[in-house]
């Protein structure tokens, strides 16, 4: 059976990165400061939610985002 006919499910858990880093000063986001710094020092590039959703859509798997933990964490769920 061709892969395009198969059902598929994918999920990504990720912190919600904010374009404006001053948002990390909010009390519920302070724990992300060190995580953000560590990722930056390691040279990692942040995957923004819209980029993940766009990639899912390109593969025929439209995605939905569910925020939790006071909008600090997200699960992106895609299904085909």
C-alpha atoms as a PDB file:
ATOM      1  CA  UNK A   1       0.000   0.000   0.000  1.00  0.00           C
ATOM      2  CA  UNK A   2       1.456   3.439  -0.883  1.00  0.00           C
ATOM      3  CA  UNK A   3       2.390   5.528   2.133  1.00  0.00           C
ATOM      4  CA  UNK A   4      -0.022   8.305   1.081  1.00  0.00           C
ATOM      5  CA  UNK A   5      -2.975   5.992   1.802  1.00  0.00           C
ATOM      6  CA  UNK A   6      -1.889   5.112   5.322  1.00  0.00           C
ATOM      7  CA  UNK A   7      -3.303   6.717   8.409  1.00  0.00           C
ATOM      8  CA  UNK A   8      -0.723   8.591  10.427  1.00  0.00           C
ATOM      9  CA  UNK A   9      -0.633  10.418  13.731  1.00  0.00           C
ATOM     10  CA  UNK A  10       2.053  12.685  15.116  1.00  0.00           C
ATOM     11  CA  UNK A  11       2.468  14.727  18.264  1.00  0.00           C
ATOM     12  CA  UNK A  12       5.092  17.241  19.341  1.00  0.00           C
ATOM     13  CA  UNK A  13       5.450  18.616  22.849  1.00  0.00           C
ATOM     14  CA  UNK A  14       7.288  21.877  23.037  1.00  0.00           C
ATOM     15  CA  UNK A  15       7.730  24.941  25.146  1.00  0.00           C
ATOM     16  CA  UNK A  16       5.990  27.974  23.723  1.00  0.00           C
ATOM     17  CA  UNK A  17       8.798  30.291  22.636  1.00  0.00           C
ATOM     18  CA  UNK A  18       7.950  33.949  22.535  1.00  0.00           C
ATOM     19  CA  UNK A  19       9.284  36.258  19.800  1.00  0.00           C
ATOM     20  CA  UNK A  20       9.686  38.931  22.467  1.00  0.00           C
ATOM     21  CA  UNK A  21      12.101  37.456  25.003  1.00  0.00           C
ATOM     22  CA  UNK A  22      11.003  39.965  27.655  1.00  0.00           C
ATOM     23  CA  UNK A  23       7.897  37.749  27.957  1.00  0.00           C
ATOM     24  CA  UNK A  24      10.173  35.279  29.789  1.00  0.00           C
ATOM     25  CA  UNK A  25      10.152  37.662  32.768  1.00  0.00           C
ATOM     26  CA  UNK A  26       6.569  36.696  33.628  1.00  0.00           C
ATOM     27  CA  UNK A  27       6.523  34.578  36.795  1.00  0.00           C
ATOM     28  CA  UNK A  28       5.077  31.498  35.083  1.00  0.00           C
ATOM     29  CA  UNK A  29       7.788  31.601  32.412  1.00  0.00           C
ATOM     30  CA  UNK A  30      10.940  32.159  34.477  1.00  0.00           C
ATOM     31  CA  UNK A  31      11.859  28.478  34.376  1.00  0.00           C
ATOM     32  CA  UNK A  32      12.138  28.779  30.607  1.00  0.00           C
ATOM     33  CA  UNK A  33      14.930  31.366  30.878  1.00  0.00           C
ATOM     34  CA  UNK A  34      17.668  28.810  31.566  1.00  0.00           C
ATOM     35  CA  UNK A  35      16.226  26.423  29.004  1.00  0.00           C
ATOM     36  CA  UNK A  36      16.223  29.245  26.441  1.00  0.00           C
ATOM     37  CA  UNK A  37      19.817  30.181  27.323  1.00  0.00           C
ATOM     38  CA  UNK A  38      21.045  26.574  27.181  1.00  0.00           C
ATOM     39  CA  UNK A  39      19.474  26.051  23.755  1.00  0.00           C
ATOM     40  CA  UNK A  40      21.014  29.284  22.487  1.00  0.00           C
ATOM     41  CA  UNK A  41      24.502  28.406  23.802  1.00  0.00           C
ATOM     42  CA  UNK A  42      24.276  24.978  22.149  1.00  0.00           C
ATOM     43  CA  UNK A  43      23.478  26.708  18.857  1.00  0.00           C
ATOM     44  CA  UNK A  44      20.061  25.124  18.564  1.00  0.00           C
ATOM     45  CA  UNK A  45      17.415  26.794  16.470  1.00  0.00           C
ATOM     46  CA  UNK A  46      13.953  27.118  17.934  1.00  0.00           C
ATOM     47  CA  UNK A  47      11.089  25.596  15.984  1.00  0.00           C
ATOM     48  CA  UNK A  48       8.175  27.962  16.147  1.00  0.00           C
ATOM     49  CA  UNK A  49       4.701  26.480  16.333  1.00  0.00           C
ATOM     50  CA  UNK A  50       3.664  27.922  12.966  1.00  0.00           C
ATOM     51  CA  UNK A  51       6.699  26.334  11.282  1.00  0.00           C
ATOM     52  CA  UNK A  52       5.816  22.904  12.707  1.00  0.00           C
ATOM     53  CA  UNK A  53       2.188  23.294  11.656  1.00  0.00           C
ATOM     54  CA  UNK A  54       3.250  24.358   8.160  1.00  0.00           C
ATOM     55  CA  UNK A  55       5.478  21.289   7.845  1.00  0.00           C
ATOM     56  CA  UNK A  56       2.633  19.034   8.968  1.00  0.00           C
ATOM     57  CA  UNK A  57       0.261  20.618   6.439  1.00  0.00           C
ATOM     58  CA  UNK A  58       2.782  20.077   3.633  1.00  0.00           C
ATOM     59  CA  UNK A  59       2.759  16.344   4.387  1.00  0.00           C
ATOM     60  CA  UNK A  60      -1.038  16.209   4.321  1.00  0.00           C
ATOM     61  CA  UNK A  61      -1.362  16.132   8.104  1.00  0.00           C
ATOM     62  CA  UNK A  62      -3.213  19.256   9.259  1.00  0.00           C
ATOM     63  CA  UNK A  63      -2.288  20.046  12.846  1.00  0.00           C
ATOM     64  CA  UNK A  64      -3.978  21.497  15.900  1.00  0.00           C
ATOM     65  CA  UNK A  65      -2.269  23.198  18.836  1.00  0.00           C
ATOM     66  CA  UNK A  66      -3.301  22.649  22.436  1.00  0.00           C
ATOM     67  CA  UNK A  67      -1.812  25.011  25.015  1.00  0.00           C
ATOM     68  CA  UNK A  68      -1.505  24.088  28.684  1.00  0.00           C
ATOM     69  CA  UNK A  69       0.445  25.039  31.826  1.00  0.00           C
ATOM     70  CA  UNK A  70      -0.784  28.631  31.587  1.00  0.00           C
ATOM     71  CA  UNK A  71       0.118  28.833  27.881  1.00  0.00           C
ATOM     72  CA  UNK A  72       3.776  28.011  28.515  1.00  0.00           C
ATOM     73  CA  UNK A  73       3.705  24.544  26.938  1.00  0.00           C
ATOM     74  CA  UNK A  74       2.015  23.214  23.821  1.00  0.00           C
ATOM     75  CA  UNK A  75       1.199  19.948  22.170  1.00  0.00           C
ATOM     76  CA  UNK A  76       0.870  19.971  18.410  1.00  0.00           C
ATOM     77  CA  UNK A  77      -1.235  17.067  17.235  1.00  0.00           C
ATOM     78  CA  UNK A  78      -1.411  16.089  13.570  1.00  0.00           C
ATOM     79  CA  UNK A  79      -3.458  13.337  11.973  1.00  0.00           C
ATOM     80  CA  UNK A  80      -3.987  11.993   8.505  1.00  0.00           C
END
